[in-house]
């Protein structure tokens, strides 16, 4: 099982605002368009970040 908290770099007691802020920061940093020459790594990382946020961003899935 993936550690979504580690992926987003937040503690397990992080609130929705902190999770959203971490997601936005990482999504911007690893967006494939922002990483020319390293698109494959950035795309995989971006997908992982999105998956983590889809779970942690929804309090019913946490």
PDB file of N, CA and C in Angstrom:
ATOM      1  N   UNK A   1       0.842  -1.184   0.000  1.00  0.00           N
ATOM      2  CA  UNK A   1       0.000   0.000   0.000  1.00  0.00           C
ATOM      3  C   UNK A   1       0.885   1.244   0.000  1.00  0.00           C
ATOM      4  N   UNK A   2       0.511   2.212  -0.798  1.00  0.00           N
ATOM      5  CA  UNK A   2       1.301   3.435  -0.907  1.00  0.00           C
ATOM      6  C   UNK A   2       1.062   4.331   0.304  1.00  0.00           C
ATOM      7  N   UNK A   3       2.106   5.026   0.687  1.00  0.00           N
ATOM      8  CA  UNK A   3       2.011   5.983   1.790  1.00  0.00           C
ATOM      9  C   UNK A   3       1.719   7.360   1.195  1.00  0.00           C
ATOM     10  N   UNK A   4       0.441   7.666   1.069  1.00  0.00           N
ATOM     11  CA  UNK A   4       0.036   8.918   0.443  1.00  0.00           C
ATOM     12  C   UNK A   4       0.489  10.137   1.233  1.00  0.00           C
ATOM     13  N   UNK A   5       0.580  10.003   2.531  1.00  0.00           N
ATOM     14  CA  UNK A   5       1.058  11.115   3.353  1.00  0.00           C
ATOM     15  C   UNK A   5       2.515  11.431   3.012  1.00  0.00           C
ATOM     16  N   UNK A   6       3.322  10.396   2.842  1.00  0.00           N
ATOM     17  CA  UNK A   6       4.728  10.584   2.490  1.00  0.00           C
ATOM     18  C   UNK A   6       4.849  11.201   1.098  1.00  0.00           C
ATOM     19  N   UNK A   7       4.033  10.743   0.173  1.00  0.00           N
ATOM     20  CA  UNK A   7       4.075  11.260  -1.196  1.00  0.00           C
ATOM     21  C   UNK A   7       3.831  12.764  -1.204  1.00  0.00           C
ATOM     22  N   UNK A   8       2.851  13.215  -0.418  1.00  0.00           N
ATOM     23  CA  UNK A   8       2.551  14.646  -0.369  1.00  0.00           C
ATOM     24  C   UNK A   8       3.408  15.396   0.646  1.00  0.00           C
ATOM     25  N   UNK A   9       4.141  14.656   1.463  1.00  0.00           N
ATOM     26  CA  UNK A   9       5.021  15.293   2.437  1.00  0.00           C
ATOM     27  C   UNK A   9       4.280  15.954   3.581  1.00  0.00           C
ATOM     28  N   UNK A  10       3.193  15.335   4.020  1.00  0.00           N
ATOM     29  CA  UNK A  10       2.402  15.879   5.130  1.00  0.00           C
ATOM     30  C   UNK A  10       2.289  14.835   6.242  1.00  0.00           C
ATOM     31  N   UNK A  11       1.984  15.294   7.433  1.00  0.00           N
ATOM     32  CA  UNK A  11       1.758  14.399   8.570  1.00  0.00           C
ATOM     33  C   UNK A  11       0.367  13.784   8.477  1.00  0.00           C
ATOM     34  N   UNK A  12       0.177  12.688   9.192  1.00  0.00           N
ATOM     35  CA  UNK A  12      -1.122  12.010   9.172  1.00  0.00           C
ATOM     36  C   UNK A  12      -2.232  12.839   9.800  1.00  0.00           C
ATOM     37  N   UNK A  13      -1.872  13.811  10.618  1.00  0.00           N
ATOM     38  CA  UNK A  13      -2.887  14.665  11.228  1.00  0.00           C
ATOM     39  C   UNK A  13      -3.074  15.982  10.466  1.00  0.00           C
ATOM     40  N   UNK A  14      -2.540  16.057   9.255  1.00  0.00           N
ATOM     41  CA  UNK A  14      -2.658  17.273   8.445  1.00  0.00           C
ATOM     42  C   UNK A  14      -4.116  17.527   8.075  1.00  0.00           C
ATOM     43  N   UNK A  15      -4.495  18.784   8.080  1.00  0.00           N
ATOM     44  CA  UNK A  15      -5.844  19.174   7.698  1.00  0.00           C
ATOM     45  C   UNK A  15      -5.982  19.305   6.191  1.00  0.00           C
ATOM     46  N   UNK A  16      -7.202  19.490   5.743  1.00  0.00           N
ATOM     47  CA  UNK A  16      -7.480  19.601   4.314  1.00  0.00           C
ATOM     48  C   UNK A  16      -6.713  20.748   3.660  1.00  0.00           C
ATOM     49  N   UNK A  17      -6.587  21.884   4.355  1.00  0.00           N
ATOM     50  CA  UNK A  17      -5.865  23.022   3.782  1.00  0.00           C
ATOM     51  C   UNK A  17      -4.403  22.684   3.542  1.00  0.00           C
ATOM     52  N   UNK A  18      -3.768  22.027   4.497  1.00  0.00           N
ATOM     53  CA  UNK A  18      -2.354  21.650   4.370  1.00  0.00           C
ATOM     54  C   UNK A  18      -2.171  20.631   3.252  1.00  0.00           C
ATOM     55  N   UNK A  19      -3.077  19.690   3.137  1.00  0.00           N
ATOM     56  CA  UNK A  19      -3.004  18.680   2.078  1.00  0.00           C
ATOM     57  C   UNK A  19      -3.151  19.340   0.709  1.00  0.00           C
ATOM     58  N   UNK A  20      -4.094  20.244   0.592  1.00  0.00           N
ATOM     59  CA  UNK A  20      -4.326  20.936  -0.674  1.00  0.00           C
ATOM     60  C   UNK A  20      -3.123  21.786  -1.062  1.00  0.00           C
ATOM     61  N   UNK A  21      -2.539  22.484  -0.095  1.00  0.00           N
ATOM     62  CA  UNK A  21      -1.361  23.309  -0.358  1.00  0.00           C
ATOM     63  C   UNK A  21      -0.188  22.453  -0.824  1.00  0.00           C
ATOM     64  N   UNK A  22       0.037  21.333  -0.143  1.00  0.00           N
ATOM     65  CA  UNK A  22       1.129  20.429  -0.514  1.00  0.00           C
ATOM     66  C   UNK A  22       0.900  19.869  -1.917  1.00  0.00           C
ATOM     67  N   UNK A  23      -0.332  19.490  -2.214  1.00  0.00           N
ATOM     68  CA  UNK A  23      -0.658  18.964  -3.539  1.00  0.00           C
ATOM     69  C   UNK A  23      -0.365  19.995  -4.622  1.00  0.00           C
ATOM     70  N   UNK A  24      -0.831  21.201  -4.435  1.00  0.00           N
ATOM     71  CA  UNK A  24      -0.633  22.243  -5.450  1.00  0.00           C
ATOM     72  C   UNK A  24       0.845  22.524  -5.688  1.00  0.00           C
ATOM     73  N   UNK A  25       1.606  22.591  -4.611  1.00  0.00           N
ATOM     74  CA  UNK A  25       3.047  22.851  -4.729  1.00  0.00           C
ATOM     75  C   UNK A  25       3.735  21.742  -5.525  1.00  0.00           C
ATOM     76  N   UNK A  26       3.449  20.490  -5.165  1.00  0.00           N
ATOM     77  CA  UNK A  26       4.081  19.363  -5.844  1.00  0.00           C
ATOM     78  C   UNK A  26       3.585  19.201  -7.279  1.00  0.00           C
ATOM     79  N   UNK A  27       2.304  19.432  -7.507  1.00  0.00           N
ATOM     80  CA  UNK A  27       1.751  19.315  -8.856  1.00  0.00           C
ATOM     81  C   UNK A  27       2.401  20.339  -9.783  1.00  0.00           C
ATOM     82  N   UNK A  28       2.622  21.536  -9.281  1.00  0.00           N
ATOM     83  CA  UNK A  28       3.286  22.571 -10.073  1.00  0.00           C
ATOM     84  C   UNK A  28       4.738  22.179 -10.344  1.00  0.00           C
ATOM     85  N   UNK A  29       5.417  21.684  -9.313  1.00  0.00           N
ATOM     86  CA  UNK A  29       6.832  21.320  -9.428  1.00  0.00           C
ATOM     87  C   UNK A  29       7.058  20.156 -10.392  1.00  0.00           C
ATOM     88  N   UNK A  30       6.176  19.170 -10.366  1.00  0.00           N
ATOM     89  CA  UNK A  30       6.370  17.964 -11.170  1.00  0.00           C
ATOM     90  C   UNK A  30       5.500  17.890 -12.417  1.00  0.00           C
ATOM     91  N   UNK A  31       4.837  18.964 -12.774  1.00  0.00           N
ATOM     92  CA  UNK A  31       4.025  18.943 -13.987  1.00  0.00           C
ATOM     93  C   UNK A  31       4.938  18.656 -15.176  1.00  0.00           C
ATOM     94  N   UNK A  32       4.554  17.725 -16.045  1.00  0.00           N
ATOM     95  CA  UNK A  32       5.414  17.369 -17.179  1.00  0.00           C
ATOM     96  C   UNK A  32       5.811  18.559 -18.057  1.00  0.00           C
ATOM     97  N   UNK A  33       4.945  19.531 -18.211  1.00  0.00           N
ATOM     98  CA  UNK A  33       5.277  20.707 -19.018  1.00  0.00           C
ATOM     99  C   UNK A  33       6.365  21.558 -18.373  1.00  0.00           C
ATOM    100  N   UNK A  34       6.544  21.433 -17.077  1.00  0.00           N
ATOM    101  CA  UNK A  34       7.558  22.205 -16.353  1.00  0.00           C
ATOM    102  C   UNK A  34       8.897  21.473 -16.291  1.00  0.00           C
ATOM    103  N   UNK A  35       8.964  20.276 -16.853  1.00  0.00           N
ATOM    104  CA  UNK A  35      10.168  19.448 -16.769  1.00  0.00           C
ATOM    105  C   UNK A  35      10.617  18.959 -18.141  1.00  0.00           C
ATOM    106  N   UNK A  36      10.971  19.883 -19.023  1.00  0.00           N
ATOM    107  CA  UNK A  36      11.432  19.446 -20.345  1.00  0.00           C
ATOM    108  C   UNK A  36      12.710  18.614 -20.213  1.00  0.00           C
ATOM    109  N   UNK A  37      12.772  17.547 -20.961  1.00  0.00           N
ATOM    110  CA  UNK A  37      13.921  16.664 -20.908  1.00  0.00           C
ATOM    111  C   UNK A  37      13.801  15.583 -19.850  1.00  0.00           C
ATOM    112  N   UNK A  38      12.819  15.706 -18.991  1.00  0.00           N
ATOM    113  CA  UNK A  38      12.621  14.730 -17.925  1.00  0.00           C
ATOM    114  C   UNK A  38      11.127  14.405 -17.796  1.00  0.00           C
ATOM    115  N   UNK A  39      10.452  14.404 -18.935  1.00  0.00           N
ATOM    116  CA  UNK A  39       8.998  14.263 -18.945  1.00  0.00           C
ATOM    117  C   UNK A  39       8.500  12.942 -18.370  1.00  0.00           C
ATOM    118  N   UNK A  40       9.202  11.857 -18.653  1.00  0.00           N
ATOM    119  CA  UNK A  40       8.725  10.547 -18.186  1.00  0.00           C
ATOM    120  C   UNK A  40       8.726  10.454 -16.666  1.00  0.00           C
ATOM    121  N   UNK A  41       9.809  10.890 -16.037  1.00  0.00           N
ATOM    122  CA  UNK A  41       9.868  10.880 -14.575  1.00  0.00           C
ATOM    123  C   UNK A  41       8.806  11.817 -14.006  1.00  0.00           C
ATOM    124  N   UNK A  42       8.711  13.013 -14.577  1.00  0.00           N
ATOM    125  CA  UNK A  42       7.749  13.998 -14.089  1.00  0.00           C
ATOM    126  C   UNK A  42       6.323  13.484 -14.235  1.00  0.00           C
ATOM    127  N   UNK A  43       6.034  12.809 -15.339  1.00  0.00           N
ATOM    128  CA  UNK A  43       4.683  12.283 -15.555  1.00  0.00           C
ATOM    129  C   UNK A  43       4.330  11.226 -14.512  1.00  0.00           C
ATOM    130  N   UNK A  44       5.259  10.322 -14.220  1.00  0.00           N
ATOM    131  CA  UNK A  44       5.010   9.294 -13.203  1.00  0.00           C
ATOM    132  C   UNK A  44       4.821   9.915 -11.823  1.00  0.00           C
ATOM    133  N   UNK A  45       5.664  10.868 -11.502  1.00  0.00           N
ATOM    134  CA  UNK A  45       5.575  11.546 -10.208  1.00  0.00           C
ATOM    135  C   UNK A  45       4.251  12.315 -10.114  1.00  0.00           C
ATOM    136  N   UNK A  46       3.871  12.983 -11.199  1.00  0.00           N
ATOM    137  CA  UNK A  46       2.630  13.753 -11.252  1.00  0.00           C
ATOM    138  C   UNK A  46       1.421  12.839 -11.037  1.00  0.00           C
ATOM    139  N   UNK A  47       1.424  11.671 -11.649  1.00  0.00           N
ATOM    140  CA  UNK A  47       0.330  10.705 -11.468  1.00  0.00           C
ATOM    141  C   UNK A  47       0.256  10.238 -10.018  1.00  0.00           C
ATOM    142  N   UNK A  48       1.415   9.981  -9.422  1.00  0.00           N
ATOM    143  CA  UNK A  48       1.471   9.542  -8.031  1.00  0.00           C
ATOM    144  C   UNK A  48       0.924  10.626  -7.096  1.00  0.00           C
ATOM    145  N   UNK A  49       1.279  11.870  -7.360  1.00  0.00           N
ATOM    146  CA  UNK A  49       0.803  13.001  -6.559  1.00  0.00           C
ATOM    147  C   UNK A  49      -0.712  13.135  -6.690  1.00  0.00           C
ATOM    148  N   UNK A  50      -1.219  13.011  -7.906  1.00  0.00           N
ATOM    149  CA  UNK A  50      -2.667  13.097  -8.129  1.00  0.00           C
ATOM    150  C   UNK A  50      -3.418  11.968  -7.428  1.00  0.00           C
ATOM    151  N   UNK A  51      -2.862  10.772  -7.468  1.00  0.00           N
ATOM    152  CA  UNK A  51      -3.491   9.633  -6.792  1.00  0.00           C
ATOM    153  C   UNK A  51      -3.551   9.878  -5.282  1.00  0.00           C
ATOM    154  N   UNK A  52      -2.440  10.363  -4.730  1.00  0.00           N
ATOM    155  CA  UNK A  52      -2.393  10.646  -3.290  1.00  0.00           C
ATOM    156  C   UNK A  52      -3.428  11.700  -2.916  1.00  0.00           C
ATOM    157  N   UNK A  53      -3.535  12.737  -3.733  1.00  0.00           N
ATOM    158  CA  UNK A  53      -4.492  13.798  -3.416  1.00  0.00           C
ATOM    159  C   UNK A  53      -5.932  13.316  -3.584  1.00  0.00           C
ATOM    160  N   UNK A  54      -6.170  12.441  -4.544  1.00  0.00           N
ATOM    161  CA  UNK A  54      -7.544  11.952  -4.738  1.00  0.00           C
ATOM    162  C   UNK A  54      -8.025  11.185  -3.511  1.00  0.00           C
ATOM    163  N   UNK A  55      -7.111  10.547  -2.796  1.00  0.00           N
ATOM    164  CA  UNK A  55      -7.472   9.821  -1.574  1.00  0.00           C
ATOM    165  C   UNK A  55      -7.495  10.762  -0.375  1.00  0.00           C
ATOM    166  N   UNK A  56      -6.398  11.481  -0.148  1.00  0.00           N
ATOM    167  CA  UNK A  56      -6.310  12.321   1.050  1.00  0.00           C
ATOM    168  C   UNK A  56      -7.188  13.567   0.968  1.00  0.00           C
ATOM    169  N   UNK A  57      -7.469  14.008  -0.240  1.00  0.00           N
ATOM    170  CA  UNK A  57      -8.311  15.186  -0.409  1.00  0.00           C
ATOM    171  C   UNK A  57      -9.783  14.915  -0.143  1.00  0.00           C
ATOM    172  N   UNK A  58     -10.149  13.642  -0.087  1.00  0.00           N
ATOM    173  CA  UNK A  58     -11.531  13.236   0.171  1.00  0.00           C
ATOM    174  C   UNK A  58     -11.577  12.594   1.557  1.00  0.00           C
ATOM    175  N   UNK A  59     -12.146  13.290   2.512  1.00  0.00           N
ATOM    176  CA  UNK A  59     -12.134  12.810   3.899  1.00  0.00           C
ATOM    177  C   UNK A  59     -12.803  11.441   4.066  1.00  0.00           C
ATOM    178  N   UNK A  60     -13.694  11.066   3.164  1.00  0.00           N
ATOM    179  CA  UNK A  60     -14.340   9.753   3.287  1.00  0.00           C
ATOM    180  C   UNK A  60     -13.419   8.613   2.839  1.00  0.00           C
ATOM    181  N   UNK A  61     -12.362   8.922   2.083  1.00  0.00           N
ATOM    182  CA  UNK A  61     -11.421   7.902   1.613  1.00  0.00           C
ATOM    183  C   UNK A  61     -10.199   7.763   2.514  1.00  0.00           C
ATOM    184  N   UNK A  62      -9.989   8.721   3.394  1.00  0.00           N
ATOM    185  CA  UNK A  62      -8.819   8.688   4.265  1.00  0.00           C
ATOM    186  C   UNK A  62      -8.929   7.492   5.142  1.00  0.00           C
TER     187      UNK A  62
END
